[in-house]
Structure formats: C-alpha cells, structure tokens
Protein backbone atom coordinates (compact mmCIF):
# COMPACT_ATOMS: atom_id res chain seq x y z
CA MET A 1 0.88 9.08 2.50
CA LEU A 2 2.48 6.25 4.42
CA LYS A 3 5.16 8.76 5.61
CA GLY A 4 2.38 10.97 7.15
CA VAL A 5 0.61 8.05 8.78
CA LEU A 6 3.97 6.10 10.32
CA GLY A 7 6.18 9.06 10.74
CA ASP A 8 9.65 8.09 11.56
CA GLU A 9 8.91 4.44 11.77
CA LYS A 10 10.71 2.28 9.27
CA PHE A 11 8.65 1.04 6.27
CA GLU A 12 9.57 -0.51 2.89
CA ILE A 13 7.71 -0.56 -0.34
CA SER A 14 8.57 -3.05 -2.92
CA GLU A 15 7.11 -3.69 -6.41
CA SER A 16 6.65 -6.99 -8.32
CA GLU A 17 4.69 -8.18 -11.01
CA GLU A 18 2.47 -11.18 -10.60
CA GLU A 19 0.01 -12.75 -13.16
CA GLY A 20 0.21 -9.54 -15.24
CA ARG A 21 -0.48 -7.17 -12.32
CA ILE A 22 1.91 -5.10 -10.65
CA LEU A 23 1.97 -5.91 -6.85
CA TYR A 24 3.00 -3.17 -4.30
CA THR A 25 3.97 -4.70 -0.92
CA VAL A 26 4.46 -2.64 2.22
CA LYS A 27 6.60 -4.11 4.79
CA THR A 28 6.67 -2.41 8.40
CA ALA A 29 6.96 -3.54 11.95
CA PRO A 30 3.94 -5.92 13.12
CA GLU A 31 2.63 -2.98 15.63
CA ASN A 32 2.42 -0.64 12.59
CA VAL A 33 0.09 -2.77 10.39
CA GLY A 34 -2.79 -1.36 12.01
CA LEU A 35 -1.71 2.06 11.33
CA VAL A 36 -1.46 1.30 7.68
CA ILE A 37 -4.91 -0.28 7.42
CA GLY A 38 -6.51 2.45 9.61
CA LYS A 39 -9.72 2.55 11.46
CA GLY A 40 -12.49 0.31 9.31
CA GLY A 41 -9.78 -0.07 6.79
CA HIS A 42 -10.01 3.49 5.65
CA MET A 43 -6.51 4.35 5.27
CA ILE A 44 -5.80 0.99 3.25
CA HIS A 45 -8.80 1.91 0.84
CA ALA A 46 -7.32 5.35 0.47
CA LEU A 47 -4.04 3.98 -0.65
CA ARG A 48 -5.45 1.67 -2.85
CA ASN A 49 -7.63 4.31 -4.76
CA VAL A 50 -4.63 6.39 -5.18
CA LEU A 51 -2.90 3.32 -6.86
CA LYS A 52 -6.01 2.70 -8.86
CA VAL A 53 -6.23 6.17 -10.39
CA ARG A 54 -2.75 5.90 -11.46
CA ALA A 55 -3.23 2.38 -12.79
CA THR A 56 -6.09 3.39 -14.96
CA LEU A 57 -3.92 6.38 -16.19
CA GLU A 58 -1.16 3.87 -17.08
CA LYS A 59 -3.78 1.12 -18.41
CA VAL A 60 -2.08 -1.51 -15.82
CA ALA A 61 -3.49 -3.68 -13.08
CA VAL A 62 -2.36 -3.14 -9.65
CA ASN A 63 -2.65 -4.48 -5.92
CA LEU A 64 -1.60 -3.38 -2.48
CA GLN A 65 -0.66 -5.52 0.28
CA VAL A 66 0.47 -5.16 3.82
CA GLU A 67 3.05 -7.37 5.74
CA GLY A 68 4.25 -7.02 9.11
C-alpha cells in the first residue's frame, strides 16, 4: 500500500517488539509523512486496519508509527 502512495520515494519499514507488542515503524522523508498519514488520517487508519486484521489472525498486538 505504501509503494502505491509514495511511488518511487524512498521509505523503510522496521519491526521491533516493545512491551509485548510488535511495533512497525515507517521511516520516510519529512515531506512524505503527510502522504503516509493521508487527508484526515485516512491512509494511516487504513494501514493500521490491515495490520489489525493480520494481528487478530496471529493473536498478537501491533502498532504502526511514522517517522520523517
């Protein structure tokens, strides 16, 4: 989904565990953070919903954050 939004812009996704949760961090250029969040936060909510579905199936807790 991010590739479709950011196109050829560079971004990196890292995974870490924090307090029993899996934390995904999207790192991109500061000018692209708004694209990842989307108008009214719609894009970040959609990304989090996809993660929530997978987390439910795997019975784990996840979170997604964006850094620029």
